[in-house]
PDB file of N, CA and C in Angstrom:
ATOM      1  N   UNK A   1       0.854  -1.180   0.000  1.00  0.00           N
ATOM      2  CA  UNK A   1       0.000   0.000   0.000  1.00  0.00           C
ATOM      3  C   UNK A   1       0.892   1.234   0.000  1.00  0.00           C
ATOM      4  N   UNK A   2       0.576   2.167  -0.873  1.00  0.00           N
ATOM      5  CA  UNK A   2       1.289   3.428  -0.889  1.00  0.00           C
ATOM      6  C   UNK A   2       0.288   4.547  -1.124  1.00  0.00           C
ATOM      7  N   UNK A   3       0.548   5.669  -0.504  1.00  0.00           N
ATOM      8  CA  UNK A   3      -0.308   6.832  -0.669  1.00  0.00           C
ATOM      9  C   UNK A   3       0.530   7.992  -1.179  1.00  0.00           C
ATOM     10  N   UNK A   4      -0.078   8.815  -1.974  1.00  0.00           N
ATOM     11  CA  UNK A   4       0.501  10.086  -2.392  1.00  0.00           C
ATOM     12  C   UNK A   4      -0.544  11.155  -2.088  1.00  0.00           C
ATOM     13  N   UNK A   5      -0.132  12.401  -2.134  1.00  0.00           N
ATOM     14  CA  UNK A   5      -1.097  13.474  -1.904  1.00  0.00           C
ATOM     15  C   UNK A   5      -2.214  13.444  -2.935  1.00  0.00           C
ATOM     16  N   UNK A   6      -1.853  13.111  -4.170  1.00  0.00           N
ATOM     17  CA  UNK A   6      -2.870  13.051  -5.219  1.00  0.00           C
ATOM     18  C   UNK A   6      -3.896  11.956  -4.929  1.00  0.00           C
ATOM     19  N   UNK A   7      -3.422  10.773  -4.547  1.00  0.00           N
ATOM     20  CA  UNK A   7      -4.353   9.682  -4.245  1.00  0.00           C
ATOM     21  C   UNK A   7      -5.198  10.010  -3.022  1.00  0.00           C
ATOM     22  N   UNK A   8      -4.588  10.562  -2.003  1.00  0.00           N
ATOM     23  CA  UNK A   8      -5.321  10.896  -0.784  1.00  0.00           C
ATOM     24  C   UNK A   8      -6.369  11.976  -1.036  1.00  0.00           C
ATOM     25  N   UNK A   9      -6.109  12.841  -2.007  1.00  0.00           N
ATOM     26  CA  UNK A   9      -7.059  13.927  -2.278  1.00  0.00           C
ATOM     27  C   UNK A   9      -8.416  13.404  -2.747  1.00  0.00           C
ATOM     28  N   UNK A  10      -8.464  12.193  -3.297  1.00  0.00           N
ATOM     29  CA  UNK A  10      -9.734  11.624  -3.733  1.00  0.00           C
ATOM     30  C   UNK A  10     -10.638  11.272  -2.559  1.00  0.00           C
ATOM     31  N   UNK A  11     -10.062  11.188  -1.362  1.00  0.00           N
ATOM     32  CA  UNK A  11     -10.863  10.882  -0.176  1.00  0.00           C
ATOM     33  C   UNK A  11     -11.106  12.109   0.697  1.00  0.00           C
ATOM     34  N   UNK A  12     -10.687  13.277   0.233  1.00  0.00           N
ATOM     35  CA  UNK A  12     -10.825  14.476   1.062  1.00  0.00           C
ATOM     36  C   UNK A  12     -12.281  14.809   1.374  1.00  0.00           C
ATOM     37  N   UNK A  13     -13.192  14.497   0.475  1.00  0.00           N
ATOM     38  CA  UNK A  13     -14.612  14.789   0.702  1.00  0.00           C
ATOM     39  C   UNK A  13     -15.404  13.549   1.098  1.00  0.00           C
ATOM     40  N   UNK A  14     -14.698  12.505   1.499  1.00  0.00           N
ATOM     41  CA  UNK A  14     -15.376  11.264   1.904  1.00  0.00           C
ATOM     42  C   UNK A  14     -16.262  11.523   3.119  1.00  0.00           C
ATOM     43  N   UNK A  15     -17.282  10.711   3.286  1.00  0.00           N
ATOM     44  CA  UNK A  15     -18.210  10.913   4.420  1.00  0.00           C
ATOM     45  C   UNK A  15     -17.602  10.408   5.730  1.00  0.00           C
ATOM     46  N   UNK A  16     -16.680  11.192   6.299  1.00  0.00           N
ATOM     47  CA  UNK A  16     -16.035  10.806   7.560  1.00  0.00           C
ATOM     48  C   UNK A  16     -17.012  10.997   8.697  1.00  0.00           C
ATOM     49  N   UNK A  17     -17.024  10.213   9.707  1.00  0.00           N
ATOM     50  CA  UNK A  17     -16.336   8.939   9.896  1.00  0.00           C
ATOM     51  C   UNK A  17     -16.953   7.850   9.022  1.00  0.00           C
ATOM     52  N   UNK A  18     -16.092   6.904   8.639  1.00  0.00           N
ATOM     53  CA  UNK A  18     -16.537   5.834   7.747  1.00  0.00           C
ATOM     54  C   UNK A  18     -15.717   4.576   7.998  1.00  0.00           C
ATOM     55  N   UNK A  19     -16.305   3.440   7.670  1.00  0.00           N
ATOM     56  CA  UNK A  19     -15.547   2.195   7.779  1.00  0.00           C
ATOM     57  C   UNK A  19     -14.908   1.891   6.420  1.00  0.00           C
ATOM     58  N   UNK A  20     -14.142   0.835   6.368  1.00  0.00           N
ATOM     59  CA  UNK A  20     -13.409   0.467   5.162  1.00  0.00           C
ATOM     60  C   UNK A  20     -14.339   0.275   3.968  1.00  0.00           C
ATOM     61  N   UNK A  21     -15.430  -0.462   4.157  1.00  0.00           N
ATOM     62  CA  UNK A  21     -16.354  -0.722   3.048  1.00  0.00           C
ATOM     63  C   UNK A  21     -17.003   0.555   2.527  1.00  0.00           C
ATOM     64  N   UNK A  22     -17.349   1.462   3.420  1.00  0.00           N
ATOM     65  CA  UNK A  22     -17.943   2.731   3.000  1.00  0.00           C
ATOM     66  C   UNK A  22     -16.948   3.560   2.201  1.00  0.00           C
ATOM     67  N   UNK A  23     -15.682   3.537   2.602  1.00  0.00           N
ATOM     68  CA  UNK A  23     -14.665   4.296   1.870  1.00  0.00           C
ATOM     69  C   UNK A  23     -14.413   3.694   0.491  1.00  0.00           C
ATOM     70  N   UNK A  24     -14.402   2.374   0.398  1.00  0.00           N
ATOM     71  CA  UNK A  24     -14.233   1.723  -0.904  1.00  0.00           C
ATOM     72  C   UNK A  24     -15.404   2.067  -1.810  1.00  0.00           C
ATOM     73  N   UNK A  25     -16.628   1.998  -1.280  1.00  0.00           N
ATOM     74  CA  UNK A  25     -17.816   2.341  -2.052  1.00  0.00           C
ATOM     75  C   UNK A  25     -17.748   3.793  -2.523  1.00  0.00           C
ATOM     76  N   UNK A  26     -17.339   4.697  -1.642  1.00  0.00           N
ATOM     77  CA  UNK A  26     -17.226   6.105  -1.994  1.00  0.00           C
ATOM     78  C   UNK A  26     -16.202   6.299  -3.117  1.00  0.00           C
ATOM     79  N   UNK A  27     -15.048   5.632  -2.990  1.00  0.00           N
ATOM     80  CA  UNK A  27     -13.997   5.770  -4.002  1.00  0.00           C
ATOM     81  C   UNK A  27     -14.478   5.279  -5.362  1.00  0.00           C
ATOM     82  N   UNK A  28     -15.192   4.179  -5.390  1.00  0.00           N
ATOM     83  CA  UNK A  28     -15.703   3.640  -6.654  1.00  0.00           C
ATOM     84  C   UNK A  28     -16.747   4.581  -7.256  1.00  0.00           C
ATOM     85  N   UNK A  29     -17.679   5.053  -6.420  1.00  0.00           N
ATOM     86  CA  UNK A  29     -18.750   5.919  -6.921  1.00  0.00           C
ATOM     87  C   UNK A  29     -18.236   7.249  -7.436  1.00  0.00           C
ATOM     88  N   UNK A  30     -17.148   7.758  -6.861  1.00  0.00           N
ATOM     89  CA  UNK A  30     -16.638   9.062  -7.285  1.00  0.00           C
ATOM     90  C   UNK A  30     -15.611   8.959  -8.398  1.00  0.00           C
ATOM     91  N   UNK A  31     -15.308   7.747  -8.833  1.00  0.00           N
ATOM     92  CA  UNK A  31     -14.386   7.583  -9.944  1.00  0.00           C
ATOM     93  C   UNK A  31     -12.929   7.751  -9.579  1.00  0.00           C
ATOM     94  N   UNK A  32     -12.585   7.440  -8.349  1.00  0.00           N
ATOM     95  CA  UNK A  32     -11.185   7.523  -7.923  1.00  0.00           C
ATOM     96  C   UNK A  32     -10.350   6.494  -8.680  1.00  0.00           C
ATOM     97  N   UNK A  33      -9.070   6.751  -8.853  1.00  0.00           N
ATOM     98  CA  UNK A  33      -8.214   5.781  -9.551  1.00  0.00           C
ATOM     99  C   UNK A  33      -8.199   4.425  -8.850  1.00  0.00           C
ATOM    100  N   UNK A  34      -7.896   3.410  -9.614  1.00  0.00           N
ATOM    101  CA  UNK A  34      -7.859   2.050  -9.094  1.00  0.00           C
ATOM    102  C   UNK A  34      -6.886   1.915  -7.918  1.00  0.00           C
ATOM    103  N   UNK A  35      -5.810   2.696  -7.913  1.00  0.00           N
ATOM    104  CA  UNK A  35      -4.835   2.630  -6.823  1.00  0.00           C
ATOM    105  C   UNK A  35      -5.466   2.984  -5.470  1.00  0.00           C
ATOM    106  N   UNK A  36      -6.405   3.931  -5.479  1.00  0.00           N
ATOM    107  CA  UNK A  36      -7.082   4.318  -4.238  1.00  0.00           C
ATOM    108  C   UNK A  36      -7.896   3.141  -3.701  1.00  0.00           C
ATOM    109  N   UNK A  37      -8.646   2.502  -4.579  1.00  0.00           N
ATOM    110  CA  UNK A  37      -9.458   1.348  -4.179  1.00  0.00           C
ATOM    111  C   UNK A  37      -8.563   0.217  -3.686  1.00  0.00           C
ATOM    112  N   UNK A  38      -7.463  -0.043  -4.398  1.00  0.00           N
ATOM    113  CA  UNK A  38      -6.545  -1.106  -3.986  1.00  0.00           C
ATOM    114  C   UNK A  38      -5.919  -0.801  -2.627  1.00  0.00           C
ATOM    115  N   UNK A  39      -5.545   0.451  -2.395  1.00  0.00           N
ATOM    116  CA  UNK A  39      -4.985   0.829  -1.097  1.00  0.00           C
ATOM    117  C   UNK A  39      -5.992   0.603   0.021  1.00  0.00           C
ATOM    118  N   UNK A  40      -7.234   0.976  -0.228  1.00  0.00           N
ATOM    119  CA  UNK A  40      -8.270   0.785   0.787  1.00  0.00           C
ATOM    120  C   UNK A  40      -8.527  -0.702   1.032  1.00  0.00           C
ATOM    121  N   UNK A  41      -8.503  -1.502  -0.023  1.00  0.00           N
ATOM    122  CA  UNK A  41      -8.737  -2.937   0.130  1.00  0.00           C
ATOM    123  C   UNK A  41      -7.614  -3.609   0.902  1.00  0.00           C
ATOM    124  N   UNK A  42      -6.403  -3.059   0.839  1.00  0.00           N
ATOM    125  CA  UNK A  42      -5.266  -3.680   1.514  1.00  0.00           C
ATOM    126  C   UNK A  42      -5.197  -3.349   3.006  1.00  0.00           C
ATOM    127  N   UNK A  43      -6.077  -2.481   3.480  1.00  0.00           N
ATOM    128  CA  UNK A  43      -6.103  -2.153   4.907  1.00  0.00           C
ATOM    129  C   UNK A  43      -6.574  -3.382   5.679  1.00  0.00           C
ATOM    130  N   UNK A  44      -5.816  -3.724   6.721  1.00  0.00           N
ATOM    131  CA  UNK A  44      -6.249  -4.822   7.590  1.00  0.00           C
ATOM    132  C   UNK A  44      -7.385  -4.291   8.444  1.00  0.00           C
ATOM    133  N   UNK A  45      -8.571  -4.770   8.165  1.00  0.00           N
ATOM    134  CA  UNK A  45      -9.777  -4.210   8.779  1.00  0.00           C
ATOM    135  C   UNK A  45     -10.298  -5.107   9.883  1.00  0.00           C
ATOM    136  N   UNK A  46     -10.589  -4.484  10.983  1.00  0.00           N
ATOM    137  CA  UNK A  46     -11.210  -5.187  12.103  1.00  0.00           C
ATOM    138  C   UNK A  46     -12.524  -4.497  12.462  1.00  0.00           C
ATOM    139  N   UNK A  47     -13.197  -3.984  11.446  1.00  0.00           N
ATOM    140  CA  UNK A  47     -14.453  -3.288  11.672  1.00  0.00           C
ATOM    141  C   UNK A  47     -14.273  -1.892  12.227  1.00  0.00           C
ATOM    142  N   UNK A  48     -13.083  -1.325  12.032  1.00  0.00           N
ATOM    143  CA  UNK A  48     -12.790  -0.002  12.578  1.00  0.00           C
ATOM    144  C   UNK A  48     -13.544   1.093  11.841  1.00  0.00           C
ATOM    145  N   UNK A  49     -13.807   2.159  12.554  1.00  0.00           N
ATOM    146  CA  UNK A  49     -14.375   3.366  11.971  1.00  0.00           C
ATOM    147  C   UNK A  49     -13.243   4.388  11.906  1.00  0.00           C
ATOM    148  N   UNK A  50     -13.014   4.924  10.733  1.00  0.00           N
ATOM    149  CA  UNK A  50     -11.944   5.902  10.529  1.00  0.00           C
ATOM    150  C   UNK A  50     -12.537   7.302  10.576  1.00  0.00           C
ATOM    151  N   UNK A  51     -11.907   8.171  11.357  1.00  0.00           N
ATOM    152  CA  UNK A  51     -12.394   9.537  11.532  1.00  0.00           C
ATOM    153  C   UNK A  51     -11.846  10.494  10.475  1.00  0.00           C
ATOM    154  N   UNK A  52     -10.676  10.159   9.912  1.00  0.00           N
ATOM    155  CA  UNK A  52     -10.053  11.043   8.925  1.00  0.00           C
ATOM    156  C   UNK A  52      -8.984  10.290   8.158  1.00  0.00           C
ATOM    157  N   UNK A  53      -8.431  10.955   7.159  1.00  0.00           N
ATOM    158  CA  UNK A  53      -7.379  10.355   6.347  1.00  0.00           C
ATOM    159  C   UNK A  53      -6.140  10.054   7.179  1.00  0.00           C
ATOM    160  N   UNK A  54      -5.894  10.818   8.226  1.00  0.00           N
ATOM    161  CA  UNK A  54      -4.720  10.606   9.071  1.00  0.00           C
ATOM    162  C   UNK A  54      -4.727   9.228   9.729  1.00  0.00           C
ATOM    163  N   UNK A  55      -5.884   8.654   9.949  1.00  0.00           N
ATOM    164  CA  UNK A  55      -5.963   7.325  10.556  1.00  0.00           C
ATOM    165  C   UNK A  55      -5.636   6.226   9.545  1.00  0.00           C
ATOM    166  N   UNK A  56      -5.812   6.505   8.266  1.00  0.00           N
ATOM    167  CA  UNK A  56      -5.492   5.541   7.220  1.00  0.00           C
ATOM    168  C   UNK A  56      -4.033   5.695   6.795  1.00  0.00           C
ATOM    169  N   UNK A  57      -3.602   6.927   6.615  1.00  0.00           N
ATOM    170  CA  UNK A  57      -2.229   7.238   6.213  1.00  0.00           C
ATOM    171  C   UNK A  57      -1.637   8.151   7.281  1.00  0.00           C
ATOM    172  N   UNK A  58      -0.940   7.580   8.268  1.00  0.00           N
ATOM    173  CA  UNK A  58      -0.420   8.372   9.388  1.00  0.00           C
ATOM    174  C   UNK A  58       0.517   9.500   8.974  1.00  0.00           C
ATOM    175  N   UNK A  59       1.156   9.403   7.818  1.00  0.00           N
ATOM    176  CA  UNK A  59       2.069  10.453   7.364  1.00  0.00           C
ATOM    177  C   UNK A  59       1.376  11.536   6.539  1.00  0.00           C
ATOM    178  N   UNK A  60       0.055  11.513   6.509  1.00  0.00           N
ATOM    179  CA  UNK A  60      -0.700  12.505   5.738  1.00  0.00           C
ATOM    180  C   UNK A  60      -0.362  13.904   6.261  1.00  0.00           C
ATOM    181  N   UNK A  61       0.095  14.800   5.377  1.00  0.00           N
ATOM    182  CA  UNK A  61       0.488  16.136   5.842  1.00  0.00           C
ATOM    183  C   UNK A  61      -0.709  16.954   6.333  1.00  0.00           C
ATOM    184  N   UNK A  62      -0.502  17.660   7.392  1.00  0.00           N
ATOM    185  CA  UNK A  62      -1.533  18.546   7.936  1.00  0.00           C
ATOM    186  C   UNK A  62      -1.064  19.988   7.799  1.00  0.00           C
ATOM    187  N   UNK A  63      -1.893  20.937   8.176  1.00  0.00           N
ATOM    188  CA  UNK A  63      -1.514  22.345   8.101  1.00  0.00           C
ATOM    189  C   UNK A  63      -0.297  22.642   8.965  1.00  0.00           C
ATOM    190  N   UNK A  64      -0.107  21.891  10.022  1.00  0.00           N
ATOM    191  CA  UNK A  64       1.028  22.110  10.918  1.00  0.00           C
ATOM    192  C   UNK A  64       2.353  21.732  10.271  1.00  0.00           C
ATOM    193  N   UNK A  65       2.312  20.957   9.190  1.00  0.00           N
ATOM    194  CA  UNK A  65       3.535  20.519   8.519  1.00  0.00           C
ATOM    195  C   UNK A  65       4.147  21.607   7.638  1.00  0.00           C
ATOM    196  N   UNK A  66       3.408  22.651   7.372  1.00  0.00           N
ATOM    197  CA  UNK A  66       3.909  23.716   6.526  1.00  0.00           C
ATOM    198  C   UNK A  66       4.412  24.855   7.407  1.00  0.00           C
ATOM    199  N   UNK A  67       5.520  25.436   6.989  1.00  0.00           N
ATOM    200  CA  UNK A  67       6.228  26.385   7.852  1.00  0.00           C
ATOM    201  C   UNK A  67       5.998  27.837   7.475  1.00  0.00           C
ATOM    202  N   UNK A  68       4.787  28.212   7.177  1.00  0.00           N
ATOM    203  CA  UNK A  68       4.549  29.632   6.914  1.00  0.00           C
ATOM    204  C   UNK A  68       3.525  30.163   7.903  1.00  0.00           C
ATOM    205  N   UNK A  69       3.586  31.433   8.086  1.00  0.00           N
ATOM    206  CA  UNK A  69       2.697  32.102   9.022  1.00  0.00           C
ATOM    207  C   UNK A  69       1.532  32.707   8.225  1.00  0.00           C
ATOM    208  N   UNK A  70       0.337  32.167   8.421  1.00  0.00           N
ATOM    209  CA  UNK A  70      -0.819  32.640   7.671  1.00  0.00           C
ATOM    210  C   UNK A  70      -1.173  34.089   7.988  1.00  0.00           C
ATOM    211  N   UNK A  71      -0.786  34.587   9.158  1.00  0.00           N
ATOM    212  CA  UNK A  71      -1.097  35.962   9.527  1.00  0.00           C
ATOM    213  C   UNK A  71      -0.316  36.976   8.670  1.00  0.00           C
ATOM    214  N   UNK A  72       0.785  36.539   8.080  1.00  0.00           N
ATOM    215  CA  UNK A  72       1.589  37.447   7.254  1.00  0.00           C
ATOM    216  C   UNK A  72       0.990  37.677   5.879  1.00  0.00           C
ATOM    217  N   UNK A  73       0.033  36.852   5.471  1.00  0.00           N
ATOM    218  CA  UNK A  73      -0.498  36.948   4.120  1.00  0.00           C
ATOM    219  C   UNK A  73      -1.914  37.391   4.094  1.00  0.00           C
TER     220      UNK A  73
END
Protein backbone atom coordinates (compact mmCIF):
# COMPACT_ATOMS: atom_id res chain seq x y z
CA UNK A 1 0.00 0.00 0.00
CA UNK A 2 1.29 3.43 -0.89
CA UNK A 3 -0.31 6.83 -0.67
CA UNK A 4 0.50 10.09 -2.39
CA UNK A 5 -1.10 13.47 -1.90
CA UNK A 6 -2.87 13.05 -5.22
CA UNK A 7 -4.35 9.68 -4.24
CA UNK A 8 -5.32 10.90 -0.78
CA UNK A 9 -7.06 13.93 -2.28
CA UNK A 10 -9.73 11.62 -3.73
CA UNK A 11 -10.86 10.88 -0.18
CA UNK A 12 -10.83 14.48 1.06
CA UNK A 13 -14.61 14.79 0.70
CA UNK A 14 -15.38 11.26 1.90
CA UNK A 15 -18.21 10.91 4.42
CA UNK A 16 -16.04 10.81 7.56
CA UNK A 17 -16.34 8.94 9.90
CA UNK A 18 -16.54 5.83 7.75
CA UNK A 19 -15.55 2.19 7.78
CA UNK A 20 -13.41 0.47 5.16
CA UNK A 21 -16.35 -0.72 3.05
CA UNK A 22 -17.94 2.73 3.00
CA UNK A 23 -14.67 4.30 1.87
CA UNK A 24 -14.23 1.72 -0.90
CA UNK A 25 -17.82 2.34 -2.05
CA UNK A 26 -17.23 6.11 -1.99
CA UNK A 27 -14.00 5.77 -4.00
CA UNK A 28 -15.70 3.64 -6.65
CA UNK A 29 -18.75 5.92 -6.92
CA UNK A 30 -16.64 9.06 -7.28
CA UNK A 31 -14.39 7.58 -9.94
CA UNK A 32 -11.19 7.52 -7.92
CA UNK A 33 -8.21 5.78 -9.55
CA UNK A 34 -7.86 2.05 -9.09
CA UNK A 35 -4.84 2.63 -6.82
CA UNK A 36 -7.08 4.32 -4.24
CA UNK A 37 -9.46 1.35 -4.18
CA UNK A 38 -6.55 -1.11 -3.99
CA UNK A 39 -4.98 0.83 -1.10
CA UNK A 40 -8.27 0.78 0.79
CA UNK A 41 -8.74 -2.94 0.13
CA UNK A 42 -5.27 -3.68 1.51
CA UNK A 43 -6.10 -2.15 4.91
CA UNK A 44 -6.25 -4.82 7.59
CA UNK A 45 -9.78 -4.21 8.78
CA UNK A 46 -11.21 -5.19 12.10
CA UNK A 47 -14.45 -3.29 11.67
CA UNK A 48 -12.79 0.00 12.58
CA UNK A 49 -14.37 3.37 11.97
CA UNK A 50 -11.94 5.90 10.53
CA UNK A 51 -12.39 9.54 11.53
CA UNK A 52 -10.05 11.04 8.93
CA UNK A 53 -7.38 10.36 6.35
CA UNK A 54 -4.72 10.61 9.07
CA UNK A 55 -5.96 7.32 10.56
CA UNK A 56 -5.49 5.54 7.22
CA UNK A 57 -2.23 7.24 6.21
CA UNK A 58 -0.42 8.37 9.39
CA UNK A 59 2.07 10.45 7.36
CA UNK A 60 -0.70 12.50 5.74
CA UNK A 61 0.49 16.14 5.84
CA UNK A 62 -1.53 18.55 7.94
CA UNK A 63 -1.51 22.35 8.10
CA UNK A 64 1.03 22.11 10.92
CA UNK A 65 3.53 20.52 8.52
CA UNK A 66 3.91 23.72 6.53
CA UNK A 67 6.23 26.38 7.85
CA UNK A 68 4.55 29.63 6.91
CA UNK A 69 2.70 32.10 9.02
CA UNK A 70 -0.82 32.64 7.67
CA UNK A 71 -1.10 35.96 9.53
CA UNK A 72 1.59 37.45 7.25
CA UNK A 73 -0.50 36.95 4.12
